[in-house]
């Protein structure tokens, strides 16, 4: 279904947020969109009838039974944001306005005489665009559209925090009740086609979703590491039950901080991703390079944006190289030291108050602030893999369509070179490319070993190694 915009250039000049959206609904999801649109149409008819006959508005806002289950995108969105009837009214209104504006036509003739309807009429598109006040009108009826509780509930909705629904400010007033509600294009695609969007790093937001299809059976961890992960996994599984228990929630503090520490490349990020995959929980990696600022107070603001976005969401926040953010406080010698220490104190308090699971990764736990260490509930050490585990890693990272020249060769390499899993994965990747260039799918020692020696040299280990020239395809043309 395609939205027609015959006056595109003129519209963009007046209404900057209007965009062309080309979506063809799948047959499976079209029925859910229709249910939502018909719900909006029924609410409009009821509210207009009450207003025209001056009858007392009824409480008619209920989530359709279809969306109480999570077997469809609308139901899944509501479940993920822990949505109630107010959230559904907001989502349904934004969805209908995306491409199905004809459902709002009955409001156009009444909006001038009855400002409680809210909304903005586009002369260029000849369509009604709902505002937050319109949503309040749907929820409360014509007598209570300025209900403070409803506006507070709308503005604090996770639909807005997670930018599933965007507010387009009015050009005439700064009041948010006159802001136009707009469904994010990616979430409309999700509802129409079932393609769930993933949060990615943007210039304004320093978080990216970590996604993996791997399970615990496919990663190599020592038994001691697996045991240390148990408490953290138990919290991820059961914290919502604790929070819903009115007795337990009174005495058990919300939130959980876990620390992953150990040499780089030992699987800390991958393990966080696997935990999310196994438990069906989204994992977000916080990009500290975008979070930390040299300007006083900016780091706190950036971190606050992250926590506001994810507060109340069942997710895992993963801070890699966390010692750069949660490092030790220094002796106060000047104003810079004082502000730096205040920053760390704020960060500790904010992380501790987050209701979800926070995992911090560090190469050296000794670099972490002592006050922060006291707040950590789970400590997980990721050691360098030993020879037996290294051999497993060499075999796990090898695609099924390739092979090593012999079992003895790869066993000898695993025994000789103390590489982490990340380095092994890199070497296998480069070696597969080199083998293909040699018109082969066999990884030989002559192909693999030079890449390992390069790693050792970069890391300043065994500088006496001399790299043997890589076997090259003589038929490869070079410009």
Protein backbone atom coordinates (compact mmCIF):
# COMPACT_ATOMS: atom_id res chain seq x y z
CA UNK A 1 0.00 0.00 0.00
CA UNK A 2 1.57 3.27 -1.08
CA UNK A 3 0.87 6.74 0.18
CA UNK A 4 0.47 9.24 -2.67
CA UNK A 5 2.17 12.62 -2.36
CA UNK A 6 1.41 14.63 -5.50
CA UNK A 7 2.67 17.88 -3.97
CA UNK A 8 5.83 16.56 -2.37
CA UNK A 9 8.05 19.63 -2.79
CA UNK A 10 5.42 21.98 -1.43
CA UNK A 11 4.60 19.69 1.46
CA UNK A 12 8.20 19.31 2.55
CA UNK A 13 8.46 23.07 2.67
CA UNK A 14 5.51 23.36 5.05
CA UNK A 15 5.52 20.06 6.92
CA UNK A 16 9.08 18.83 7.24
CA UNK A 17 8.19 15.55 8.91
CA UNK A 18 6.08 14.22 6.04
CA UNK A 19 7.87 11.39 4.26
CA UNK A 20 6.99 8.95 1.51
CA UNK A 21 6.47 5.49 2.91
CA UNK A 22 6.27 2.57 0.53
CA UNK A 23 5.01 -0.50 2.33
CA UNK A 24 3.17 -3.53 1.06
CA UNK A 25 1.50 -5.27 3.99
CA UNK A 26 1.80 -9.00 4.21
CA UNK A 27 -1.48 -10.87 4.19
CA UNK A 28 -0.85 -12.18 7.71
CA UNK A 29 -0.31 -8.75 9.27
CA UNK A 30 -2.90 -6.84 7.27
CA UNK A 31 -5.67 -8.29 9.43
CA UNK A 32 -4.04 -6.89 12.58
CA UNK A 33 -3.75 -3.42 11.04
CA UNK A 34 -7.42 -3.61 10.05
CA UNK A 35 -8.46 -4.57 13.59
CA UNK A 36 -6.54 -1.60 14.97
CA UNK A 37 -7.99 0.81 12.37
CA UNK A 38 -11.55 -0.37 13.04
CA UNK A 39 -10.95 0.12 16.77
CA UNK A 40 -9.91 3.73 16.12
CA UNK A 41 -12.96 4.24 13.86
CA UNK A 42 -15.31 2.91 16.55
CA UNK A 43 -13.76 5.18 19.19
CA UNK A 44 -14.13 8.22 16.90
CA UNK A 45 -17.79 7.43 16.24
CA UNK A 46 -18.50 7.04 19.95
CA UNK A 47 -16.69 10.21 21.02
CA UNK A 48 -18.32 12.34 18.31
CA UNK A 49 -21.76 10.99 19.22
CA UNK A 50 -21.18 11.82 22.90
CA UNK A 51 -19.98 15.31 22.02
CA UNK A 52 -22.84 16.08 19.62
CA UNK A 53 -25.52 14.77 21.98
CA UNK A 54 -23.77 16.19 25.07
CA UNK A 55 -23.93 12.84 26.85
CA UNK A 56 -21.49 11.77 29.52
CA UNK A 57 -18.36 10.14 28.01
CA UNK A 58 -18.02 6.45 28.71
CA UNK A 59 -14.89 4.49 29.54
CA UNK A 60 -14.52 2.64 26.25
CA UNK A 61 -10.75 2.26 25.96
CA UNK A 62 -9.84 -1.42 26.02
CA UNK A 63 -7.11 -3.36 24.29
CA UNK A 64 -8.65 -5.74 21.71
CA UNK A 65 -8.28 -9.38 22.72
CA UNK A 66 -6.19 -10.03 19.60
CA UNK A 67 -3.42 -7.80 20.93
CA UNK A 68 -3.35 -9.31 24.41
CA UNK A 69 -1.29 -12.12 22.86
CA UNK A 70 2.21 -11.60 21.52
CA UNK A 71 1.77 -13.67 18.37
CA UNK A 72 1.52 -10.50 16.26
CA UNK A 73 3.69 -7.35 16.02
CA UNK A 74 1.22 -5.04 17.79
CA UNK A 75 0.85 -7.47 20.68
CA UNK A 76 4.63 -7.91 20.85
CA UNK A 77 5.21 -4.17 20.98
CA UNK A 78 2.68 -3.75 23.78
CA UNK A 79 4.24 -6.62 25.73
CA UNK A 80 7.78 -5.28 25.35
CA UNK A 81 6.79 -1.81 26.62
CA UNK A 82 4.56 -3.28 29.33
CA UNK A 83 1.75 -1.33 27.70
CA UNK A 84 -1.70 -0.59 29.09
CA UNK A 85 -4.88 0.83 27.54
CA UNK A 86 -3.39 4.33 27.29
CA UNK A 87 -0.33 2.98 25.47
CA UNK A 88 -2.55 1.07 23.06
CA UNK A 89 -4.64 4.16 22.31
CA UNK A 90 -1.42 6.03 21.49
CA UNK A 91 -0.06 3.22 19.31
CA UNK A 92 -3.35 2.63 17.46
CA UNK A 93 -3.78 6.35 16.75
CA UNK A 94 -0.23 6.67 15.41
CA UNK A 95 -0.64 3.53 13.28
CA UNK A 96 -3.90 4.69 11.71
CA UNK A 97 -2.45 8.11 10.89
CA UNK A 98 0.50 6.55 9.08
CA UNK A 99 -1.29 5.56 5.88
CA UNK A 100 -4.96 5.22 6.76
CA UNK A 101 -5.85 8.88 7.34
CA UNK A 102 -9.34 8.47 5.87
CA UNK A 103 -10.44 6.98 9.20
CA UNK A 104 -9.96 10.45 10.74
CA UNK A 105 -12.16 12.22 8.16
CA UNK A 106 -15.20 12.45 10.53
CA UNK A 107 -13.09 14.63 12.87
CA UNK A 108 -12.26 17.27 10.25
CA UNK A 109 -15.70 18.94 10.14
CA UNK A 110 -15.83 19.22 13.95
CA UNK A 111 -12.27 20.23 14.87
CA UNK A 112 -12.77 23.98 14.35
CA UNK A 113 -15.89 24.15 16.51
CA UNK A 114 -14.54 21.70 19.07
CA UNK A 115 -10.83 22.38 19.83
CA UNK A 116 -10.89 19.59 22.41
CA UNK A 117 -10.48 17.19 19.47
CA UNK A 118 -6.97 18.51 18.86
CA UNK A 119 -5.17 17.58 15.68
CA UNK A 120 -3.70 19.44 12.74
CA UNK A 121 -5.27 19.61 9.29
CA UNK A 122 -2.90 19.60 6.31
CA UNK A 123 -4.28 21.65 3.46
CA UNK A 124 -1.72 20.16 1.12
CA UNK A 125 -2.53 16.52 1.91
CA UNK A 126 -6.18 17.18 2.81
CA UNK A 127 -5.79 14.97 5.84
CA UNK A 128 -6.17 15.11 9.61
CA UNK A 129 -3.01 14.48 11.66
CA UNK A 130 -3.67 13.53 15.30
CA UNK A 131 -1.87 15.16 18.21
CA UNK A 132 -1.45 14.09 21.82
CA UNK A 133 -4.62 16.06 22.55
CA UNK A 134 -6.44 13.88 20.01
CA UNK A 135 -5.28 10.77 21.85
CA UNK A 136 -6.48 12.30 25.12
CA UNK A 137 -9.85 13.00 23.44
CA UNK A 138 -10.10 9.35 22.44
CA UNK A 139 -9.24 8.21 25.98
CA UNK A 140 -11.31 10.64 28.06
CA UNK A 141 -14.00 12.06 25.79
CA UNK A 142 -14.83 15.70 25.13
CA UNK A 143 -15.17 16.78 28.79
CA UNK A 144 -11.72 15.81 30.12
CA UNK A 145 -9.22 16.24 27.31
CA UNK A 146 -6.88 18.20 29.56
CA UNK A 147 -6.63 15.37 32.10
CA UNK A 148 -3.21 15.75 33.74
CA UNK A 149 -2.94 12.06 34.61
CA UNK A 150 -3.55 11.03 30.99
CA UNK A 151 -0.95 13.47 29.64
CA UNK A 152 1.59 12.34 32.22
CA UNK A 153 0.93 8.71 31.28
CA UNK A 154 1.28 9.49 27.59
CA UNK A 155 4.51 11.47 27.98
CA UNK A 156 6.07 8.77 30.18
CA UNK A 157 5.05 5.96 27.81
CA UNK A 158 7.84 3.63 26.74
CA UNK A 159 6.48 4.00 23.22
CA UNK A 160 7.92 7.52 23.29
CA UNK A 161 11.04 6.68 25.27
CA UNK A 162 12.01 3.98 22.80
CA UNK A 163 11.06 6.23 19.87
CA UNK A 164 8.53 3.74 18.57
CA UNK A 165 6.29 6.78 18.38
CA UNK A 166 7.74 10.21 17.74
CA UNK A 167 6.31 13.60 18.70
CA UNK A 168 6.54 16.31 16.04
CA UNK A 169 6.40 19.71 17.82
CA UNK A 170 3.86 22.24 16.68
CA UNK A 171 5.23 25.32 14.92
CA UNK A 172 2.67 27.49 16.68
CA UNK A 173 3.16 26.46 20.32
CA UNK A 174 5.67 24.67 22.53
CA UNK A 175 2.92 22.77 24.35
CA UNK A 176 3.45 19.03 23.87
CA UNK A 177 -0.27 18.34 23.86
CA UNK A 178 -0.33 19.91 20.39
CA UNK A 179 2.57 17.77 19.14
CA UNK A 180 1.68 15.46 16.25
CA UNK A 181 2.03 11.74 17.00
CA UNK A 182 3.93 9.82 14.34
CA UNK A 183 4.74 6.12 14.16
CA UNK A 184 8.42 5.46 13.45
CA UNK A 185 8.88 4.17 9.88
CA UNK A 186 10.84 1.11 11.04
CA UNK A 187 8.08 0.12 13.46
CA UNK A 188 5.43 0.59 10.79
CA UNK A 189 7.45 -1.80 8.64
CA UNK A 190 7.56 -4.17 11.63
CA UNK A 191 3.76 -4.08 12.02
CA UNK A 192 3.13 -4.37 8.28
CA UNK A 193 5.82 -6.88 7.35
CA UNK A 194 6.94 -8.45 10.61
CA UNK A 195 10.53 -7.17 10.32
CA UNK A 196 11.51 -6.19 13.85
CA UNK A 197 13.86 -3.18 13.87
CA UNK A 198 17.12 -3.25 15.78
CA UNK A 199 18.40 -0.28 17.70
CA UNK A 200 21.61 1.01 16.13
CA UNK A 201 24.13 3.67 17.07
CA UNK A 202 23.19 7.12 15.77
CA UNK A 203 24.87 10.51 16.18
CA UNK A 204 22.38 11.19 18.99
CA UNK A 205 22.26 7.81 20.73
CA UNK A 206 25.23 5.67 21.81
CA UNK A 207 23.67 2.18 21.98
CA UNK A 208 23.61 -0.73 19.57
CA UNK A 209 21.78 -4.03 19.87
CA UNK A 210 24.01 -7.09 20.11
CA UNK A 211 22.52 -10.00 18.19
CA UNK A 212 23.76 -13.56 17.92
CA UNK A 213 22.26 -16.92 17.03
CA UNK A 214 24.79 -18.81 19.11
CA UNK A 215 23.92 -20.75 22.24
CA UNK A 216 25.94 -21.75 25.30
CA UNK A 217 26.70 -25.06 23.60
CA UNK A 218 28.53 -23.17 20.86
CA UNK A 219 30.87 -21.06 22.98
CA UNK A 220 33.90 -22.30 24.87
CA UNK A 221 33.87 -21.31 28.55
CA UNK A 222 35.65 -22.87 31.49
CA UNK A 223 33.44 -24.54 34.09
CA UNK A 224 34.47 -21.96 36.67
CA UNK A 225 33.30 -19.17 34.34
CA UNK A 226 29.96 -20.91 33.75
CA UNK A 227 29.42 -21.27 37.51
CA UNK A 228 30.19 -17.59 38.07
CA UNK A 229 27.56 -16.66 35.46
CA UNK A 230 24.76 -18.53 37.23
CA UNK A 231 23.58 -15.77 39.61
CA UNK A 232 23.57 -13.20 36.84
CA UNK A 233 21.49 -15.47 34.59
CA UNK A 234 19.08 -16.20 37.45
CA UNK A 235 18.46 -12.47 37.89
CA UNK A 236 17.84 -12.01 34.16
CA UNK A 237 15.30 -14.85 34.27
CA UNK A 238 13.43 -13.94 37.45
CA UNK A 239 13.76 -10.22 38.24
CA UNK A 240 10.37 -9.38 36.74
CA UNK A 241 8.75 -11.93 39.06
CA UNK A 242 10.44 -10.29 42.04
CA UNK A 243 9.34 -6.82 40.93
CA UNK A 244 5.74 -8.00 40.51
CA UNK A 245 5.74 -9.51 44.03
CA UNK A 246 4.59 -6.68 46.33
CA UNK A 247 6.21 -8.32 49.35
CA UNK A 248 9.53 -9.22 47.73
CA UNK A 249 9.86 -5.87 45.94
CA UNK A 250 9.68 -4.04 49.29
CA UNK A 251 12.84 -5.63 50.66
CA UNK A 252 14.82 -6.73 47.57
CA UNK A 253 16.40 -3.82 45.75
CA UNK A 254 15.84 -3.69 42.01
CA UNK A 255 18.76 -3.83 39.63
CA UNK A 256 21.77 -6.09 39.25
CA UNK A 257 25.36 -5.23 38.33
CA UNK A 258 27.64 -7.92 36.97
CA UNK A 259 31.30 -7.56 36.05
CA UNK A 260 33.03 -9.51 33.29
CA UNK A 261 36.80 -9.22 33.56
CA UNK A 262 39.76 -10.80 31.88
CA UNK A 263 42.10 -10.35 28.90
CA UNK A 264 40.67 -8.89 25.68
CA UNK A 265 39.26 -11.33 23.15
CA UNK A 266 38.21 -13.96 25.69
CA UNK A 267 34.46 -13.85 24.92
CA UNK A 268 32.98 -11.23 27.23
CA UNK A 269 30.85 -9.49 24.58
CA UNK A 270 29.85 -12.78 22.96
CA UNK A 271 28.76 -14.24 26.30
CA UNK A 272 26.54 -11.22 26.98
CA UNK A 273 24.95 -11.70 23.54
CA UNK A 274 24.42 -15.42 24.14
CA UNK A 275 22.73 -14.77 27.49
CA UNK A 276 20.28 -12.48 25.71
CA UNK A 277 19.71 -14.99 22.92
CA UNK A 278 19.12 -17.90 25.31
CA UNK A 279 16.68 -15.93 27.48
CA UNK A 280 14.97 -13.93 24.71
CA UNK A 281 16.14 -10.60 26.15
CA UNK A 282 17.53 -7.74 24.07
CA UNK A 283 21.17 -6.85 24.76
CA UNK A 284 22.47 -3.35 24.06
CA UNK A 285 26.13 -2.43 23.89
CA UNK A 286 26.82 1.11 25.09
CA UNK A 287 29.43 2.86 22.95
CA UNK A 288 31.54 4.68 25.55
CA UNK A 289 33.38 6.69 22.89
CA UNK A 290 30.07 8.46 22.21
CA UNK A 291 29.05 8.56 25.86
CA UNK A 292 32.13 10.08 27.52
CA UNK A 293 32.65 13.81 26.96
CA UNK A 294 35.48 16.14 27.93
CA UNK A 295 32.94 18.82 28.77
CA UNK A 296 31.74 19.05 32.36
CA UNK A 297 28.31 17.53 32.87
CA UNK A 298 27.95 16.15 29.32
CA UNK A 299 28.87 12.56 30.23
CA UNK A 300 26.12 12.50 32.87
CA UNK A 301 23.59 13.88 30.37
CA UNK A 302 24.54 11.27 27.79
CA UNK A 303 24.28 8.45 30.32
CA UNK A 304 20.95 9.75 31.57
CA UNK A 305 19.57 9.60 28.02
CA UNK A 306 20.56 5.94 27.85
CA UNK A 307 18.90 5.02 31.14
CA UNK A 308 15.76 7.03 30.43
CA UNK A 309 15.43 5.13 27.16
CA UNK A 310 15.76 1.72 28.80
CA UNK A 311 14.28 2.23 32.30
CA UNK A 312 11.45 -0.25 32.78
CA UNK A 313 12.46 -2.31 29.73
CA UNK A 314 13.45 -5.93 30.26
CA UNK A 315 16.88 -5.76 28.68
CA UNK A 316 20.60 -6.07 29.34
CA UNK A 317 22.93 -3.07 29.10
CA UNK A 318 26.51 -4.03 28.26
CA UNK A 319 29.30 -1.50 28.92
CA UNK A 320 32.53 -2.64 27.26
CA UNK A 321 35.86 -1.28 28.57
CA UNK A 322 33.91 0.04 31.53
CA UNK A 323 37.00 1.05 33.50
CA UNK A 324 37.21 4.13 31.27
CA UNK A 325 33.86 5.22 32.69
CA UNK A 326 33.89 3.73 36.18
CA UNK A 327 37.58 4.15 37.00
CA UNK A 328 39.09 4.94 40.36
CA UNK A 329 38.50 8.36 41.86
CA UNK A 330 41.61 10.43 42.28
CA UNK A 331 42.89 12.68 45.01
CA UNK A 332 41.33 16.12 44.64
CA UNK A 333 44.00 18.59 43.58
CA UNK A 334 41.99 21.00 41.46
CA UNK A 335 38.50 21.70 40.11
CA UNK A 336 38.89 19.11 37.33
CA UNK A 337 39.54 16.34 39.87
CA UNK A 338 36.53 17.41 41.89
CA UNK A 339 34.21 17.34 38.87
CA UNK A 340 35.65 13.99 37.72
CA UNK A 341 34.97 12.45 41.12
CA UNK A 342 31.45 13.88 41.19
CA UNK A 343 30.88 12.37 37.76
CA UNK A 344 31.90 8.90 38.97
CA UNK A 345 29.66 9.24 42.04
CA UNK A 346 26.70 10.11 39.82
CA UNK A 347 27.42 7.21 37.47
CA UNK A 348 27.53 4.75 40.35
CA UNK A 349 24.20 5.93 41.72
CA UNK A 350 22.52 5.92 38.31
CA UNK A 351 23.72 2.45 37.34
CA UNK A 352 22.67 1.07 40.72
CA UNK A 353 19.15 2.49 40.37
CA UNK A 354 18.58 0.93 36.93
CA UNK A 355 15.92 -1.79 37.21
CA UNK A 356 17.39 -4.11 34.61
CA UNK A 357 20.64 -6.05 34.29
CA UNK A 358 23.87 -4.11 33.78
CA UNK A 359 26.99 -5.97 32.67
CA UNK A 360 30.29 -4.14 32.74
CA UNK A 361 33.36 -5.54 31.00
CA UNK A 362 36.91 -4.67 31.94
CA UNK A 363 40.33 -6.06 31.07
CA UNK A 364 41.56 -5.26 34.58
CA UNK A 365 39.19 -5.22 37.53
CA UNK A 366 41.87 -3.43 39.59
CA UNK A 367 41.11 -0.30 37.56
CA UNK A 368 37.54 -0.12 38.85
CA UNK A 369 36.52 2.31 41.59
CA UNK A 370 36.35 0.69 45.06
CA UNK A 371 32.86 2.03 45.78
CA UNK A 372 31.71 0.54 42.51
CA UNK A 373 33.23 -2.85 43.36
CA UNK A 374 31.05 -2.99 46.46
CA UNK A 375 27.96 -2.66 44.27
CA UNK A 376 28.88 -5.55 41.98
CA UNK A 377 26.81 -8.66 42.74
CA UNK A 378 28.39 -11.04 40.24
CA UNK A 379 32.06 -11.36 39.29
CA UNK A 380 32.90 -13.46 36.24
CA UNK A 381 36.50 -14.11 35.18
CA UNK A 382 37.26 -14.89 31.53
CA UNK A 383 40.76 -16.42 31.40
CA UNK A 384 42.84 -17.03 28.32
CA UNK A 385 41.91 -20.40 26.82
CA UNK A 386 44.26 -23.31 27.45
CA UNK A 387 45.47 -25.65 24.70
CA UNK A 388 42.44 -27.98 24.88
CA UNK A 389 40.00 -25.06 24.64
CA UNK A 390 42.05 -23.42 21.91
CA UNK A 391 41.72 -26.55 19.80
CA UNK A 392 37.94 -26.45 20.26
CA UNK A 393 37.96 -22.80 19.19
CA UNK A 394 39.98 -23.56 16.06
CA UNK A 395 37.39 -26.19 15.11
CA UNK A 396 34.32 -24.09 16.02
CA UNK A 397 35.43 -21.15 13.87
CA UNK A 398 36.23 -23.29 10.83
CA UNK A 399 33.34 -23.28 8.29
CA UNK A 400 32.05 -26.74 7.37
CA UNK A 401 33.00 -26.11 3.73
CA UNK A 402 36.71 -25.79 4.67
CA UNK A 403 39.15 -28.17 6.34
CA UNK A 404 42.58 -28.17 7.94
CA UNK A 405 45.35 -30.06 6.19
CA UNK A 406 45.51 -32.50 9.11
CA UNK A 407 44.32 -32.95 12.67
CA UNK A 408 47.91 -33.14 13.87
CA UNK A 409 48.72 -29.77 12.31
CA UNK A 410 45.90 -27.86 13.98
CA UNK A 411 46.52 -29.62 17.30
CA UNK A 412 50.15 -28.51 17.14
CA UNK A 413 49.13 -24.90 16.38
CA UNK A 414 46.61 -24.92 19.25
CA UNK A 415 49.31 -26.22 21.58
CA UNK A 416 52.01 -23.79 20.44
CA UNK A 417 50.21 -20.45 20.11
CA UNK A 418 48.34 -18.98 23.08
CA UNK A 419 45.69 -17.07 21.15
CA UNK A 420 42.32 -15.90 22.44
CA UNK A 421 39.07 -16.80 20.71
CA UNK A 422 38.84 -13.41 18.97
CA UNK A 423 42.30 -13.81 17.44
CA UNK A 424 41.58 -17.39 16.38
CA UNK A 425 38.40 -16.26 14.62
CA UNK A 426 40.35 -13.55 12.78
CA UNK A 427 43.10 -15.94 11.70
CA UNK A 428 40.60 -18.50 10.40
CA UNK A 429 38.78 -15.81 8.42
CA UNK A 430 41.98 -14.53 6.80
CA UNK A 431 43.19 -18.07 6.14
CA UNK A 432 39.95 -19.04 4.41
CA UNK A 433 40.27 -16.05 2.10
CA UNK A 434 43.88 -16.95 1.33
CA UNK A 435 42.94 -20.56 0.61
CA UNK A 436 40.19 -19.47 -1.76
CA UNK A 437 42.67 -17.25 -3.53
CA UNK A 438 44.82 -20.36 -4.00
CA UNK A 439 41.76 -22.12 -5.45
CA UNK A 440 41.57 -24.41 -2.44
CA UNK A 441 39.50 -24.95 0.68
CA UNK A 442 42.29 -26.52 2.71
CA UNK A 443 43.93 -24.43 5.43
CA UNK A 444 47.59 -25.35 5.69
CA UNK A 445 50.20 -24.48 8.26
CA UNK A 446 51.94 -22.35 5.64
CA UNK A 447 48.75 -20.26 5.30
CA UNK A 448 47.78 -20.05 8.98
CA UNK A 449 51.09 -19.52 10.76
CA UNK A 450 52.16 -16.20 9.16
CA UNK A 451 48.94 -14.55 10.37
CA UNK A 452 49.62 -15.79 13.91
CA UNK A 453 53.18 -14.48 13.82
CA UNK A 454 51.85 -11.07 12.76
CA UNK A 455 49.62 -11.05 15.84
CA UNK A 456 52.52 -11.96 18.11
CA UNK A 457 54.63 -9.15 16.66
CA UNK A 458 51.87 -6.59 17.10
CA UNK A 459 51.41 -7.68 20.70
CA UNK A 460 55.15 -7.54 21.36
CA UNK A 461 55.42 -11.26 22.08
CA UNK A 462 58.27 -13.49 20.86
CA UNK A 463 59.86 -10.87 18.69
CA UNK A 464 62.31 -13.45 17.35
CA UNK A 465 59.56 -14.96 15.19
CA UNK A 466 60.13 -14.38 11.48
CA UNK A 467 57.15 -14.47 9.19
CA UNK A 468 57.37 -16.93 6.32
CA UNK A 469 56.01 -15.45 3.08
CA UNK A 470 52.37 -16.44 2.54
CA UNK A 471 51.60 -18.85 -0.26
CA UNK A 472 50.14 -16.74 -3.04
CA UNK A 473 48.23 -17.61 -6.16
CA UNK A 474 50.65 -16.98 -9.06
CA UNK A 475 47.72 -16.45 -11.37
CA UNK A 476 46.41 -13.51 -9.31
CA UNK A 477 46.73 -10.38 -11.41
CA UNK A 478 47.88 -7.22 -9.64
CA UNK A 479 47.55 -3.73 -10.93
